[in-house]
Amino acid sequence: VSYDVPAPGGRVRIRVYDVAGRLVSTLVDGERPAGRHGVTWSGQSQRGGPVASGVYFVKMTARNFGATRKIVLLK
């Protein structure tokens, strides 16, 4: 998952949710400097166990910005 943080940077949160809206994993939760960043989701839950193939949603929030994207996990 690639994302851009606008200047001057700030707190970023990127989370993965299942189709029922349940939190599956938190990929990023903290301060990030301005610029392009990336994070990889390995298909694991918060507890470290594997999740099933299917549709998931990645939600990013940062300052006054929020976006949600649909992804498909295939194993």
Protein backbone atom coordinates (compact mmCIF):
# COMPACT_ATOMS: atom_id res chain seq x y z
CA VAL A 1 0.00 0.00 0.00
CA SER A 2 1.61 3.25 -1.14
CA TYR A 3 0.59 6.56 0.38
CA ASP A 4 1.65 10.20 0.43
CA VAL A 5 1.84 12.35 3.54
CA PRO A 6 1.53 16.09 2.86
CA ALA A 7 3.89 18.62 4.43
CA PRO A 8 4.61 19.05 7.28
CA GLY A 9 3.82 15.39 8.01
CA GLY A 10 1.81 14.15 10.95
CA ARG A 11 -0.09 11.24 12.38
CA VAL A 12 -1.15 8.56 9.92
CA ARG A 13 -3.36 5.56 10.54
CA ILE A 14 -3.86 2.76 8.02
CA ARG A 15 -6.16 -0.10 8.96
CA VAL A 16 -7.58 -3.14 7.20
CA TYR A 17 -11.25 -4.07 7.69
CA ASP A 18 -13.29 -7.07 6.53
CA VAL A 19 -16.57 -6.70 4.59
CA ALA A 20 -18.52 -6.71 7.88
CA GLY A 21 -16.56 -3.64 9.03
CA ARG A 22 -14.51 -5.48 11.66
CA LEU A 23 -10.93 -4.39 12.20
CA VAL A 24 -8.55 -7.01 10.83
CA SER A 25 -5.15 -5.33 11.13
CA THR A 26 -3.50 -1.99 11.84
CA LEU A 27 -0.65 -1.40 9.39
CA VAL A 28 0.38 2.12 10.42
CA ASP A 29 -0.48 4.14 13.52
CA GLY A 30 1.94 6.94 14.23
CA GLU A 31 3.79 10.01 13.09
CA ARG A 32 5.20 10.04 9.56
CA PRO A 33 7.27 12.70 7.80
CA ALA A 34 6.02 14.32 4.62
CA GLY A 35 6.61 12.34 1.44
CA ARG A 36 5.83 9.00 -0.18
CA HIS A 37 5.66 5.91 2.00
CA GLY A 38 4.63 2.29 1.66
CA VAL A 39 3.55 -0.58 3.85
CA THR A 40 2.90 -4.25 3.10
CA TRP A 41 0.03 -6.26 4.50
CA SER A 42 1.02 -9.92 4.73
CA GLY A 43 -2.57 -11.16 5.01
CA GLN A 44 -2.43 -11.60 8.76
CA SER A 45 -4.76 -10.44 11.50
CA GLN A 46 -3.87 -8.32 14.52
CA ARG A 47 -3.20 -11.55 16.41
CA GLY A 48 -0.74 -12.73 13.77
CA GLY A 49 -2.87 -15.48 12.29
CA PRO A 50 -3.66 -15.79 8.58
CA VAL A 51 -6.95 -14.41 7.26
CA ALA A 52 -9.11 -15.96 4.55
CA SER A 53 -8.98 -14.99 0.90
CA GLY A 54 -11.59 -12.37 0.09
CA VAL A 55 -12.42 -8.69 -0.14
CA TYR A 56 -11.00 -6.27 2.43
CA PHE A 57 -10.96 -2.51 2.83
CA VAL A 58 -7.89 -0.40 3.57
CA LYS A 59 -8.71 2.88 5.31
CA MET A 60 -6.18 5.69 5.69
CA THR A 61 -6.66 8.75 7.88
CA ALA A 62 -4.22 11.63 8.23
CA ARG A 63 -4.92 15.15 9.48
CA ASN A 64 -7.95 16.33 7.46
CA PHE A 65 -7.78 13.46 4.97
CA GLY A 66 -9.46 10.10 4.80
CA ALA A 67 -9.71 7.49 2.06
CA THR A 68 -10.89 3.91 1.76
CA ARG A 69 -9.88 1.44 -0.96
CA LYS A 70 -11.11 -2.05 -1.69
CA ILE A 71 -8.51 -4.81 -2.04
CA VAL A 72 -8.73 -8.50 -2.81
CA LEU A 73 -6.58 -11.02 -0.97
CA LEU A 74 -5.92 -14.20 -2.96
CA LYS A 75 -3.95 -17.09 -1.58
